[in-house]
């Protein structure tokens, strides 16, 4: 989901040399990934009030403003740095439009929306240890229902690590950095979340009926 690191490093090097076009390319090549990351975490209530593209644009403006400081002290890989800004903007949007009383939205427990689309189809097939095609509509609908219900039962950080690993395609080390965990702890959290999801959906009959 995120652009490859090698080209990003080349653009960062050019940006350090003062090339304005490198800055523009750097931000633009990450725009769609930031949009995807935000879309994954916007619930329907927020989507009715806020356009994801507006949040993305705010992130791009902030990143451009803060880029020189980042270039002098890159405390995170560039995509994780952008991602952190996007996360903060998204939390702010939820707080403004939903109210703090509806849900705890602190920085340690980010908002997680529903898991949908081709990425969830791939993950469901992996969890069931067998191929699943969209043509099996009854099976797919039942699995999707159970999958979303199971995701809602997960601890917020467990939800988040599934999103990061399967939908954003972050590595275990990157997920550990984002969650402020050791790589071992992040791996254990991921395995626990996957085990819970597998338990919930494994008994759905391939023909479309649940057992």
N, C-alpha and C. Protein backbone atom coordinates (compact mmCIF):
# COMPACT_ATOMS: atom_id res chain seq x y z
N UNK A 1 0.82 -1.20 0.00
CA UNK A 1 0.00 0.00 0.00
C UNK A 1 0.86 1.26 0.00
N UNK A 2 1.94 1.25 0.76
CA UNK A 2 2.81 2.42 0.83
C UNK A 2 3.88 2.35 -0.26
N UNK A 3 4.29 3.49 -0.81
CA UNK A 3 5.32 3.50 -1.87
C UNK A 3 6.62 2.86 -1.39
N UNK A 4 7.40 2.35 -2.36
CA UNK A 4 8.63 1.64 -1.98
C UNK A 4 9.64 2.60 -1.35
N UNK A 5 10.39 2.07 -0.40
CA UNK A 5 11.29 2.89 0.41
C UNK A 5 12.46 3.44 -0.39
N UNK A 6 12.94 2.70 -1.37
CA UNK A 6 14.13 3.14 -2.11
C UNK A 6 13.88 4.45 -2.84
N UNK A 7 12.77 4.53 -3.58
CA UNK A 7 12.45 5.77 -4.28
C UNK A 7 12.15 6.91 -3.31
N UNK A 8 11.53 6.57 -2.19
CA UNK A 8 11.26 7.59 -1.18
C UNK A 8 12.57 8.18 -0.66
N UNK A 9 13.56 7.33 -0.39
CA UNK A 9 14.85 7.82 0.11
C UNK A 9 15.55 8.70 -0.92
N UNK A 10 15.41 8.36 -2.19
CA UNK A 10 16.01 9.19 -3.24
C UNK A 10 15.37 10.57 -3.27
N UNK A 11 14.06 10.61 -3.13
CA UNK A 11 13.36 11.89 -3.12
C UNK A 11 13.69 12.69 -1.87
N UNK A 12 13.83 12.01 -0.75
CA UNK A 12 14.22 12.70 0.48
C UNK A 12 15.61 13.32 0.34
N UNK A 13 16.52 12.60 -0.29
CA UNK A 13 17.87 13.13 -0.51
C UNK A 13 17.82 14.37 -1.39
N UNK A 14 16.99 14.33 -2.43
CA UNK A 14 16.85 15.49 -3.32
C UNK A 14 16.20 16.65 -2.59
N UNK A 15 15.23 16.36 -1.74
CA UNK A 15 14.57 17.41 -0.96
C UNK A 15 15.56 18.08 -0.01
N UNK A 16 16.48 17.30 0.55
CA UNK A 16 17.50 17.88 1.44
C UNK A 16 18.43 18.83 0.68
N UNK A 17 18.55 18.61 -0.61
CA UNK A 17 19.39 19.47 -1.44
C UNK A 17 18.63 20.69 -1.94
N UNK A 18 17.39 20.82 -1.52
CA UNK A 18 16.62 22.01 -1.84
C UNK A 18 15.86 21.95 -3.14
N UNK A 19 15.61 20.77 -3.66
CA UNK A 19 14.86 20.65 -4.92
C UNK A 19 13.36 20.66 -4.63
N UNK A 20 12.65 21.73 -5.00
CA UNK A 20 11.22 21.82 -4.69
C UNK A 20 10.38 20.75 -5.38
N UNK A 21 10.78 20.33 -6.58
CA UNK A 21 10.01 19.32 -7.29
C UNK A 21 10.06 17.98 -6.56
N UNK A 22 11.18 17.72 -5.90
CA UNK A 22 11.31 16.48 -5.13
C UNK A 22 10.31 16.47 -3.98
N UNK A 23 10.12 17.62 -3.36
CA UNK A 23 9.15 17.73 -2.26
C UNK A 23 7.75 17.43 -2.78
N UNK A 24 7.41 18.04 -3.92
CA UNK A 24 6.08 17.81 -4.50
C UNK A 24 5.86 16.33 -4.83
N UNK A 25 6.87 15.71 -5.45
CA UNK A 25 6.75 14.30 -5.80
C UNK A 25 6.64 13.42 -4.55
N UNK A 26 7.40 13.77 -3.56
CA UNK A 26 7.41 13.00 -2.32
C UNK A 26 6.02 12.96 -1.69
N UNK A 27 5.39 14.11 -1.62
CA UNK A 27 4.06 14.18 -1.00
C UNK A 27 3.00 13.55 -1.89
N UNK A 28 3.07 13.82 -3.19
CA UNK A 28 2.03 13.30 -4.09
C UNK A 28 2.06 11.78 -4.18
N UNK A 29 3.25 11.19 -4.16
CA UNK A 29 3.31 9.74 -4.30
C UNK A 29 2.81 9.02 -3.05
N UNK A 30 2.65 9.77 -1.95
CA UNK A 30 2.10 9.18 -0.73
C UNK A 30 0.63 9.55 -0.50
N UNK A 31 0.09 10.41 -1.35
CA UNK A 31 -1.27 10.91 -1.12
C UNK A 31 -2.30 9.78 -1.10
N UNK A 32 -2.24 8.89 -2.07
CA UNK A 32 -3.24 7.83 -2.16
C UNK A 32 -3.13 6.87 -0.98
N UNK A 33 -1.92 6.60 -0.52
CA UNK A 33 -1.74 5.72 0.63
C UNK A 33 -2.30 6.34 1.90
N UNK A 34 -2.09 7.64 2.06
CA UNK A 34 -2.66 8.35 3.20
C UNK A 34 -4.18 8.31 3.12
N UNK A 35 -4.73 8.49 1.92
CA UNK A 35 -6.18 8.44 1.73
C UNK A 35 -6.72 7.06 2.13
N UNK A 36 -6.04 6.03 1.70
CA UNK A 36 -6.48 4.67 2.03
C UNK A 36 -6.43 4.43 3.53
N UNK A 37 -5.37 4.87 4.17
CA UNK A 37 -5.23 4.70 5.62
C UNK A 37 -6.37 5.39 6.36
N UNK A 38 -6.74 6.58 5.90
CA UNK A 38 -7.82 7.34 6.52
C UNK A 38 -9.18 6.69 6.24
N UNK A 39 -9.41 6.27 5.00
CA UNK A 39 -10.68 5.62 4.65
C UNK A 39 -10.95 4.39 5.50
N UNK A 40 -9.91 3.63 5.79
CA UNK A 40 -10.06 2.42 6.59
C UNK A 40 -10.59 2.70 7.99
N UNK A 41 -10.38 3.92 8.46
CA UNK A 41 -10.69 4.23 9.86
C UNK A 41 -11.83 5.22 10.04
N UNK A 42 -12.49 5.60 8.96
CA UNK A 42 -13.63 6.51 9.06
C UNK A 42 -14.92 5.71 9.13
N UNK A 43 -15.68 5.85 10.21
CA UNK A 43 -16.96 5.16 10.27
C UNK A 43 -18.00 5.94 9.47
N UNK A 44 -19.18 5.34 9.30
CA UNK A 44 -20.19 5.94 8.44
C UNK A 44 -20.68 7.28 8.96
N UNK A 45 -20.76 7.43 10.27
CA UNK A 45 -21.20 8.70 10.83
C UNK A 45 -20.26 9.83 10.45
N UNK A 46 -18.96 9.57 10.55
CA UNK A 46 -17.99 10.61 10.20
C UNK A 46 -17.98 10.87 8.70
N UNK A 47 -18.15 9.81 7.90
CA UNK A 47 -18.13 9.99 6.45
C UNK A 47 -19.29 10.86 5.96
N UNK A 48 -20.39 10.87 6.71
CA UNK A 48 -21.52 11.72 6.32
C UNK A 48 -21.23 13.20 6.60
N UNK A 49 -20.26 13.46 7.46
CA UNK A 49 -19.97 14.83 7.85
C UNK A 49 -18.67 15.38 7.27
N UNK A 50 -17.74 14.49 6.98
CA UNK A 50 -16.40 14.91 6.56
C UNK A 50 -15.98 14.14 5.32
N UNK A 51 -15.40 14.85 4.36
CA UNK A 51 -14.84 14.20 3.19
C UNK A 51 -13.40 13.79 3.50
N UNK A 52 -13.07 12.53 3.23
CA UNK A 52 -11.72 12.05 3.52
C UNK A 52 -10.66 12.88 2.80
N UNK A 53 -10.98 13.37 1.60
CA UNK A 53 -10.01 14.15 0.85
C UNK A 53 -9.64 15.44 1.57
N UNK A 54 -10.56 15.98 2.37
CA UNK A 54 -10.25 17.19 3.14
C UNK A 54 -9.22 16.88 4.23
N UNK A 55 -9.37 15.72 4.87
CA UNK A 55 -8.40 15.33 5.89
C UNK A 55 -7.04 15.07 5.24
N UNK A 56 -7.05 14.41 4.09
CA UNK A 56 -5.81 14.14 3.37
C UNK A 56 -5.10 15.45 3.02
N UNK A 57 -5.86 16.42 2.53
CA UNK A 57 -5.27 17.70 2.15
C UNK A 57 -4.66 18.39 3.36
N UNK A 58 -5.33 18.32 4.50
CA UNK A 58 -4.77 18.91 5.72
C UNK A 58 -3.45 18.24 6.09
N UNK A 59 -3.39 16.92 5.92
CA UNK A 59 -2.15 16.19 6.22
C UNK A 59 -1.04 16.63 5.29
N UNK A 60 -1.34 16.77 4.00
CA UNK A 60 -0.33 17.18 3.04
C UNK A 60 0.20 18.58 3.33
N UNK A 61 -0.70 19.48 3.72
CA UNK A 61 -0.30 20.85 4.05
C UNK A 61 0.60 20.85 5.29
N UNK A 62 0.20 20.09 6.30
CA UNK A 62 1.00 20.02 7.52
C UNK A 62 2.36 19.37 7.25
N UNK A 63 2.37 18.33 6.43
CA UNK A 63 3.63 17.66 6.11
C UNK A 63 4.58 18.60 5.37
N UNK A 64 4.05 19.37 4.45
CA UNK A 64 4.87 20.33 3.72
C UNK A 64 5.45 21.38 4.67
N UNK A 65 4.64 21.81 5.62
CA UNK A 65 5.09 22.82 6.58
C UNK A 65 6.18 22.28 7.50
N UNK A 66 6.08 21.02 7.87
CA UNK A 66 7.00 20.44 8.84
C UNK A 66 8.15 19.66 8.20
N UNK A 67 8.20 19.63 6.88
CA UNK A 67 9.15 18.75 6.20
C UNK A 67 10.60 19.10 6.50
N UNK A 68 10.94 20.37 6.51
CA UNK A 68 12.34 20.74 6.74
C UNK A 68 12.82 20.27 8.10
N UNK A 69 11.98 20.38 9.10
CA UNK A 69 12.35 19.88 10.43
C UNK A 69 12.52 18.37 10.39
N UNK A 70 11.65 17.69 9.65
CA UNK A 70 11.77 16.23 9.53
C UNK A 70 13.07 15.85 8.84
N UNK A 71 13.42 16.56 7.77
CA UNK A 71 14.64 16.24 7.02
C UNK A 71 15.88 16.37 7.89
N UNK A 72 15.85 17.30 8.83
CA UNK A 72 16.98 17.48 9.73
C UNK A 72 17.03 16.41 10.81
N UNK A 73 15.87 15.88 11.17
CA UNK A 73 15.81 14.87 12.23
C UNK A 73 14.70 13.86 11.92
N UNK A 74 14.95 12.93 11.01
CA UNK A 74 13.92 11.94 10.62
C UNK A 74 13.75 10.87 11.69
N UNK A 75 12.91 11.15 12.65
CA UNK A 75 12.74 10.25 13.80
C UNK A 75 12.01 8.96 13.43
N UNK A 76 11.29 8.98 12.31
CA UNK A 76 10.55 7.82 11.81
C UNK A 76 10.78 7.69 10.31
N UNK A 77 10.60 6.50 9.75
CA UNK A 77 10.54 6.41 8.29
C UNK A 77 9.46 7.36 7.77
N UNK A 78 9.67 7.90 6.57
CA UNK A 78 8.80 8.96 6.08
C UNK A 78 7.34 8.56 6.07
N UNK A 79 7.03 7.34 5.61
CA UNK A 79 5.61 6.94 5.52
C UNK A 79 4.99 6.81 6.91
N UNK A 80 5.77 6.39 7.91
CA UNK A 80 5.22 6.31 9.26
C UNK A 80 5.04 7.70 9.86
N UNK A 81 5.91 8.62 9.48
CA UNK A 81 5.78 10.02 9.92
C UNK A 81 4.49 10.63 9.36
N UNK A 82 4.26 10.43 8.06
CA UNK A 82 3.02 10.90 7.45
C UNK A 82 1.81 10.24 8.09
N UNK A 83 1.94 8.96 8.32
CA UNK A 83 0.86 8.18 8.90
C UNK A 83 0.47 8.70 10.28
N UNK A 84 1.47 9.09 11.06
CA UNK A 84 1.19 9.63 12.39
C UNK A 84 0.39 10.92 12.30
N UNK A 85 0.74 11.78 11.35
CA UNK A 85 -0.02 13.01 11.17
C UNK A 85 -1.45 12.71 10.74
N UNK A 86 -1.61 11.75 9.85
CA UNK A 86 -2.95 11.37 9.40
C UNK A 86 -3.77 10.83 10.56
N UNK A 87 -3.15 10.02 11.39
CA UNK A 87 -3.84 9.47 12.55
C UNK A 87 -4.30 10.59 13.49
N UNK A 88 -3.42 11.55 13.75
CA UNK A 88 -3.78 12.66 14.64
C UNK A 88 -4.94 13.48 14.07
N UNK A 89 -4.89 13.74 12.77
CA UNK A 89 -5.97 14.50 12.13
C UNK A 89 -7.29 13.73 12.20
N UNK A 90 -7.22 12.43 12.02
CA UNK A 90 -8.43 11.62 12.05
C UNK A 90 -9.03 11.58 13.45
N UNK A 91 -8.19 11.44 14.46
CA UNK A 91 -8.67 11.47 15.84
C UNK A 91 -9.34 12.80 16.14
N UNK A 92 -8.72 13.89 15.69
CA UNK A 92 -9.32 15.22 15.90
C UNK A 92 -10.68 15.31 15.23
N UNK A 93 -10.79 14.77 14.01
CA UNK A 93 -12.07 14.82 13.29
C UNK A 93 -13.15 14.04 14.03
N UNK A 94 -12.81 12.87 14.54
CA UNK A 94 -13.79 12.10 15.30
C UNK A 94 -14.20 12.83 16.57
N UNK A 95 -13.27 13.44 17.23
CA UNK A 95 -13.60 14.16 18.46
C UNK A 95 -14.53 15.34 18.18
N UNK A 96 -14.26 16.04 17.09
CA UNK A 96 -15.09 17.20 16.77
C UNK A 96 -16.50 16.80 16.38
N UNK A 97 -16.63 15.74 15.62
CA UNK A 97 -17.92 15.42 15.01
C UNK A 97 -18.71 14.35 15.75
N UNK A 98 -18.09 13.63 16.65
CA UNK A 98 -18.82 12.60 17.37
C UNK A 98 -18.90 12.87 18.86
N UNK A 99 -17.96 13.62 19.38
CA UNK A 99 -17.97 13.90 20.81
C UNK A 99 -17.16 12.89 21.59
N UNK A 100 -16.44 13.36 22.55
CA UNK A 100 -15.55 12.49 23.32
C UNK A 100 -16.32 11.45 24.12
N UNK A 101 -17.58 11.73 24.43
CA UNK A 101 -18.35 10.81 25.28
C UNK A 101 -18.74 9.53 24.54
N UNK A 102 -18.77 9.57 23.19
CA UNK A 102 -19.23 8.41 22.44
C UNK A 102 -18.23 7.26 22.46
N UNK A 103 -16.95 7.61 22.46
CA UNK A 103 -15.93 6.56 22.40
C UNK A 103 -14.58 7.15 22.81
N UNK A 104 -13.78 6.35 23.47
CA UNK A 104 -12.43 6.80 23.81
C UNK A 104 -11.59 6.81 22.55
N UNK A 105 -11.05 7.97 22.21
CA UNK A 105 -10.29 8.11 20.98
C UNK A 105 -8.90 8.66 21.26
N UNK A 106 -8.30 8.20 22.33
CA UNK A 106 -6.97 8.71 22.63
C UNK A 106 -5.95 8.11 21.67
N UNK A 107 -4.72 8.55 21.76
CA UNK A 107 -3.71 8.18 20.79
C UNK A 107 -3.32 6.72 20.87
N UNK A 108 -3.59 6.10 22.01
CA UNK A 108 -3.24 4.70 22.15
C UNK A 108 -4.34 3.78 21.64
N UNK A 109 -5.56 4.32 21.45
CA UNK A 109 -6.68 3.51 20.98
C UNK A 109 -7.34 4.18 19.79
N UNK A 110 -6.74 4.06 18.60
CA UNK A 110 -7.27 4.73 17.43
C UNK A 110 -8.59 4.16 16.97
N UNK A 111 -9.31 4.97 16.22
CA UNK A 111 -10.60 4.55 15.67
C UNK A 111 -10.37 3.52 14.58
N UNK A 112 -11.18 2.48 14.57
CA UNK A 112 -11.09 1.46 13.52
C UNK A 112 -12.48 1.28 12.92
N UNK A 113 -12.60 1.53 11.63
CA UNK A 113 -13.88 1.35 10.95
C UNK A 113 -14.01 -0.08 10.47
N UNK A 114 -14.95 -0.34 9.58
CA UNK A 114 -15.20 -1.71 9.16
C UNK A 114 -14.15 -2.19 8.17
N UNK A 115 -13.94 -3.50 8.15
CA UNK A 115 -12.96 -4.13 7.28
C UNK A 115 -13.71 -4.62 6.04
N UNK A 116 -13.44 -4.04 4.90
CA UNK A 116 -14.19 -4.42 3.70
C UNK A 116 -13.27 -4.48 2.49
N UNK A 117 -13.82 -4.97 1.36
CA UNK A 117 -13.12 -4.95 0.09
C UNK A 117 -12.27 -6.17 -0.17
N UNK A 118 -11.44 -6.08 -1.22
CA UNK A 118 -10.63 -7.21 -1.64
C UNK A 118 -9.65 -7.65 -0.57
N UNK A 119 -9.12 -6.71 0.19
CA UNK A 119 -8.16 -7.07 1.23
C UNK A 119 -8.80 -7.97 2.28
N UNK A 120 -10.05 -7.69 2.63
CA UNK A 120 -10.72 -8.54 3.61
C UNK A 120 -11.04 -9.90 3.01
N UNK A 121 -11.33 -9.96 1.70
CA UNK A 121 -11.55 -11.25 1.04
C UNK A 121 -10.29 -12.10 1.12
N UNK A 122 -9.14 -11.50 0.86
CA UNK A 122 -7.87 -12.22 0.94
C UNK A 122 -7.61 -12.70 2.36
N UNK A 123 -7.89 -11.85 3.33
CA UNK A 123 -7.65 -12.22 4.72
C UNK A 123 -8.60 -13.33 5.16
N UNK A 124 -9.85 -13.25 4.74
CA UNK A 124 -10.80 -14.30 5.08
C UNK A 124 -10.37 -15.65 4.51
N UNK A 125 -9.89 -15.64 3.28
CA UNK A 125 -9.41 -16.89 2.68
C UNK A 125 -8.24 -17.45 3.47
N UNK A 126 -7.36 -16.57 3.92
CA UNK A 126 -6.22 -17.02 4.72
C UNK A 126 -6.69 -17.60 6.06
N UNK A 127 -7.64 -16.94 6.68
CA UNK A 127 -8.13 -17.40 7.97
C UNK A 127 -8.81 -18.76 7.85
N UNK A 128 -9.46 -19.01 6.71
CA UNK A 128 -10.15 -20.29 6.50
C UNK A 128 -9.25 -21.35 5.88
N UNK A 129 -8.02 -20.95 5.53
CA UNK A 129 -7.07 -21.88 4.93
C UNK A 129 -7.60 -22.49 3.64
N UNK A 130 -8.37 -21.71 2.88
CA UNK A 130 -8.88 -22.19 1.60
C UNK A 130 -9.27 -21.00 0.74
N UNK A 131 -9.37 -21.26 -0.57
CA UNK A 131 -9.70 -20.19 -1.51
C UNK A 131 -11.17 -19.81 -1.35
N UNK A 132 -11.42 -18.51 -1.45
CA UNK A 132 -12.79 -18.01 -1.39
C UNK A 132 -12.95 -16.96 -2.48
N UNK A 133 -13.94 -17.14 -3.34
CA UNK A 133 -14.16 -16.20 -4.43
C UNK A 133 -15.43 -15.39 -4.16
N UNK A 134 -15.49 -14.16 -4.70
CA UNK A 134 -16.70 -13.34 -4.52
C UNK A 134 -17.95 -13.99 -5.08
N UNK A 135 -17.80 -14.97 -5.99
CA UNK A 135 -18.97 -15.61 -6.60
C UNK A 135 -19.80 -16.38 -5.58
N UNK A 136 -19.16 -16.84 -4.51
CA UNK A 136 -19.89 -17.56 -3.47
C UNK A 136 -20.58 -16.53 -2.57
N UNK A 137 -21.65 -15.93 -3.10
CA UNK A 137 -22.25 -14.77 -2.45
C UNK A 137 -22.76 -15.07 -1.05
N UNK A 138 -23.48 -16.17 -0.88
CA UNK A 138 -24.04 -16.49 0.43
C UNK A 138 -22.93 -16.70 1.45
N UNK A 139 -21.91 -17.45 1.04
CA UNK A 139 -20.77 -17.68 1.94
C UNK A 139 -20.09 -16.37 2.27
N UNK A 140 -19.86 -15.57 1.25
CA UNK A 140 -19.17 -14.29 1.45
C UNK A 140 -19.93 -13.38 2.39
N UNK A 141 -21.23 -13.27 2.21
CA UNK A 141 -22.03 -12.39 3.06
C UNK A 141 -21.99 -12.84 4.52
N UNK A 142 -22.09 -14.15 4.74
CA UNK A 142 -22.05 -14.66 6.11
C UNK A 142 -20.68 -14.47 6.73
N UNK A 143 -19.63 -14.75 5.95
CA UNK A 143 -18.28 -14.56 6.46
C UNK A 143 -18.01 -13.09 6.76
N UNK A 144 -18.47 -12.22 5.86
CA UNK A 144 -18.25 -10.79 6.07
C UNK A 144 -18.95 -10.32 7.34
N UNK A 145 -20.18 -10.81 7.54
CA UNK A 145 -20.91 -10.42 8.75
C UNK A 145 -20.17 -10.88 10.00
N UNK A 146 -19.75 -12.13 10.00
CA UNK A 146 -19.04 -12.65 11.16
C UNK A 146 -17.69 -11.97 11.36
N UNK A 147 -17.03 -11.71 10.24
CA UNK A 147 -15.72 -11.08 10.30
C UNK A 147 -15.81 -9.70 10.94
N UNK A 148 -16.77 -8.89 10.49
CA UNK A 148 -16.92 -7.55 11.05
C UNK A 148 -17.31 -7.63 12.52
N UNK A 149 -18.19 -8.59 12.87
CA UNK A 149 -18.57 -8.75 14.27
C UNK A 149 -17.37 -9.16 15.12
N UNK A 150 -16.55 -10.05 14.58
CA UNK A 150 -15.36 -10.49 15.31
C UNK A 150 -14.37 -9.34 15.49
N UNK A 151 -14.23 -8.52 14.46
CA UNK A 151 -13.31 -7.38 14.56
C UNK A 151 -13.75 -6.42 15.65
N UNK A 152 -15.05 -6.24 15.79
CA UNK A 152 -15.56 -5.34 16.81
C UNK A 152 -15.31 -5.88 18.22
N UNK A 153 -15.11 -7.19 18.33
CA UNK A 153 -14.85 -7.79 19.64
C UNK A 153 -13.38 -7.68 20.05
N UNK A 154 -12.53 -7.35 19.08
CA UNK A 154 -11.11 -7.26 19.38
C UNK A 154 -10.79 -6.00 20.17
N UNK A 155 -9.76 -6.08 20.97
CA UNK A 155 -9.20 -4.90 21.62
C UNK A 155 -8.81 -3.89 20.53
N UNK A 156 -8.97 -2.58 20.78
CA UNK A 156 -8.64 -1.59 19.74
C UNK A 156 -7.25 -1.74 19.14
N UNK A 157 -6.24 -2.07 19.96
CA UNK A 157 -4.91 -2.25 19.39
C UNK A 157 -4.82 -3.53 18.56
N UNK A 158 -5.61 -4.54 18.92
CA UNK A 158 -5.66 -5.76 18.10
C UNK A 158 -6.29 -5.45 16.75
N UNK A 159 -7.37 -4.67 16.77
CA UNK A 159 -7.98 -4.22 15.51
C UNK A 159 -6.94 -3.49 14.67
N UNK A 160 -6.23 -2.60 15.33
CA UNK A 160 -5.29 -1.75 14.61
C UNK A 160 -4.17 -2.55 13.97
N UNK A 161 -3.67 -3.56 14.68
CA UNK A 161 -2.55 -4.31 14.10
C UNK A 161 -3.00 -5.16 12.93
N UNK A 162 -4.26 -5.62 12.94
CA UNK A 162 -4.79 -6.34 11.77
C UNK A 162 -4.90 -5.38 10.58
N UNK A 163 -5.41 -4.19 10.83
CA UNK A 163 -5.48 -3.18 9.77
C UNK A 163 -4.11 -2.89 9.20
N UNK A 164 -3.14 -2.67 10.08
CA UNK A 164 -1.81 -2.30 9.63
C UNK A 164 -1.13 -3.41 8.85
N UNK A 165 -1.24 -4.64 9.35
CA UNK A 165 -0.52 -5.74 8.71
C UNK A 165 -1.18 -6.18 7.41
N UNK A 166 -2.52 -6.24 7.38
CA UNK A 166 -3.21 -6.82 6.22
C UNK A 166 -3.75 -5.79 5.24
N UNK A 167 -4.08 -4.62 5.71
CA UNK A 167 -4.70 -3.63 4.83
C UNK A 167 -3.73 -2.53 4.42
N UNK A 168 -2.78 -2.21 5.30
CA UNK A 168 -1.74 -1.24 4.94
C UNK A 168 -0.44 -1.92 4.54
N UNK A 169 -0.34 -3.21 4.81
CA UNK A 169 0.85 -4.00 4.46
C UNK A 169 2.11 -3.48 5.14
N UNK A 170 1.98 -3.06 6.39
CA UNK A 170 3.16 -2.71 7.17
C UNK A 170 3.82 -3.99 7.67
N UNK A 171 5.12 -3.93 7.87
CA UNK A 171 5.84 -5.07 8.43
C UNK A 171 5.58 -5.14 9.93
N UNK A 172 5.97 -6.26 10.53
CA UNK A 172 5.83 -6.38 11.98
C UNK A 172 6.64 -5.31 12.70
N UNK A 173 7.85 -5.04 12.20
CA UNK A 173 8.69 -4.02 12.82
C UNK A 173 8.05 -2.64 12.73
N UNK A 174 7.44 -2.33 11.59
CA UNK A 174 6.77 -1.04 11.43
C UNK A 174 5.56 -0.93 12.34
N UNK A 175 4.78 -2.00 12.42
CA UNK A 175 3.62 -2.01 13.32
C UNK A 175 4.06 -1.84 14.76
N UNK A 176 5.16 -2.48 15.13
CA UNK A 176 5.69 -2.34 16.49
C UNK A 176 6.06 -0.90 16.78
N UNK A 177 6.69 -0.24 15.82
CA UNK A 177 7.07 1.17 15.99
C UNK A 177 5.84 2.04 16.18
N UNK A 178 4.83 1.85 15.34
CA UNK A 178 3.61 2.65 15.43
C UNK A 178 2.91 2.46 16.77
N UNK A 179 2.86 1.22 17.24
CA UNK A 179 2.14 0.90 18.48
C UNK A 179 3.00 1.05 19.72
N UNK A 180 4.27 1.43 19.51
CA UNK A 180 5.20 1.59 20.63
C UNK A 180 5.35 0.28 21.42
N UNK A 181 5.50 -0.81 20.68
CA UNK A 181 5.70 -2.13 21.26
C UNK A 181 7.03 -2.70 20.79
N UNK A 182 7.52 -3.70 21.49
CA UNK A 182 8.67 -4.43 20.98
C UNK A 182 8.20 -5.28 19.80
N UNK A 183 9.10 -5.63 18.88
CA UNK A 183 8.70 -6.50 17.77
C UNK A 183 8.07 -7.81 18.26
N UNK A 184 8.61 -8.37 19.33
CA UNK A 184 8.05 -9.61 19.86
C UNK A 184 6.63 -9.41 20.37
N UNK A 185 6.40 -8.30 21.09
CA UNK A 185 5.06 -8.02 21.61
C UNK A 185 4.08 -7.76 20.47
N UNK A 186 4.54 -7.06 19.43
CA UNK A 186 3.67 -6.81 18.28
C UNK A 186 3.30 -8.11 17.57
N UNK A 187 4.27 -8.99 17.43
CA UNK A 187 4.02 -10.28 16.79
C UNK A 187 3.02 -11.11 17.60
N UNK A 188 3.17 -11.11 18.91
CA UNK A 188 2.25 -11.86 19.77
C UNK A 188 0.85 -11.27 19.70
N UNK A 189 0.75 -9.95 19.66
CA UNK A 189 -0.56 -9.30 19.56
C UNK A 189 -1.23 -9.64 18.24
N UNK A 190 -0.46 -9.64 17.18
CA UNK A 190 -0.99 -9.98 15.86
C UNK A 190 -1.48 -11.42 15.81
N UNK A 191 -0.69 -12.34 16.33
CA UNK A 191 -1.08 -13.76 16.32
C UNK A 191 -2.33 -13.98 17.16
N UNK A 192 -2.44 -13.28 18.27
CA UNK A 192 -3.63 -13.39 19.12
C UNK A 192 -4.87 -12.89 18.39
N UNK A 193 -4.75 -11.76 17.70
CA UNK A 193 -5.89 -11.21 16.96
C UNK A 193 -6.31 -12.15 15.84
N UNK A 194 -5.35 -12.69 15.13
CA UNK A 194 -5.67 -13.61 14.04
C UNK A 194 -6.30 -14.89 14.55
N UNK A 195 -5.84 -15.37 15.68
CA UNK A 195 -6.42 -16.59 16.27
C UNK A 195 -7.87 -16.35 16.63
N UNK A 196 -8.17 -15.19 17.18
CA UNK A 196 -9.55 -14.86 17.56
C UNK A 196 -10.44 -14.76 16.31
N UNK A 197 -9.96 -14.12 15.28
CA UNK A 197 -10.74 -14.00 14.05
C UNK A 197 -10.98 -15.38 13.43
N UNK A 198 -9.96 -16.21 13.44
CA UNK A 198 -10.10 -17.55 12.85
C UNK A 198 -11.15 -18.37 13.59
N UNK A 199 -11.17 -18.25 14.91
CA UNK A 199 -12.14 -19.00 15.71
C UNK A 199 -13.57 -18.64 15.34
N UNK A 200 -13.80 -17.37 15.04
CA UNK A 200 -15.16 -16.90 14.79
C UNK A 200 -15.66 -17.33 13.42
N UNK A 201 -14.80 -17.31 12.41
CA UNK A 201 -15.29 -17.55 11.04
C UNK A 201 -15.03 -18.96 10.54
N UNK A 202 -14.24 -19.77 11.25
CA UNK A 202 -13.83 -21.07 10.73
C UNK A 202 -15.00 -22.03 10.52
N UNK A 203 -16.09 -21.85 11.29
CA UNK A 203 -17.19 -22.82 11.21
C UNK A 203 -18.26 -22.43 10.20
N UNK A 204 -17.98 -21.47 9.32
CA UNK A 204 -18.94 -21.12 8.27
C UNK A 204 -18.81 -22.12 7.13
N UNK A 205 -19.93 -22.76 6.76
CA UNK A 205 -19.92 -23.80 5.74
C UNK A 205 -19.59 -23.21 4.38
N UNK A 206 -18.72 -23.84 3.58
CA UNK A 206 -18.36 -23.32 2.26
C UNK A 206 -19.54 -23.15 1.33
N UNK A 207 -20.61 -23.91 1.53
CA UNK A 207 -21.77 -23.82 0.64
C UNK A 207 -22.64 -22.61 0.95
N UNK A 208 -22.35 -21.96 2.07
CA UNK A 208 -23.10 -20.76 2.37
C UNK A 208 -23.88 -20.82 3.64
N UNK A 209 -23.97 -22.00 4.28
CA UNK A 209 -24.70 -22.12 5.53
C UNK A 209 -23.72 -22.24 6.67
N UNK A 210 -24.02 -21.60 7.79
CA UNK A 210 -23.12 -21.69 8.94
C UNK A 210 -23.46 -22.93 9.75
N UNK A 211 -22.41 -23.50 10.37
CA UNK A 211 -22.63 -24.72 11.13
C UNK A 211 -23.04 -24.41 12.55
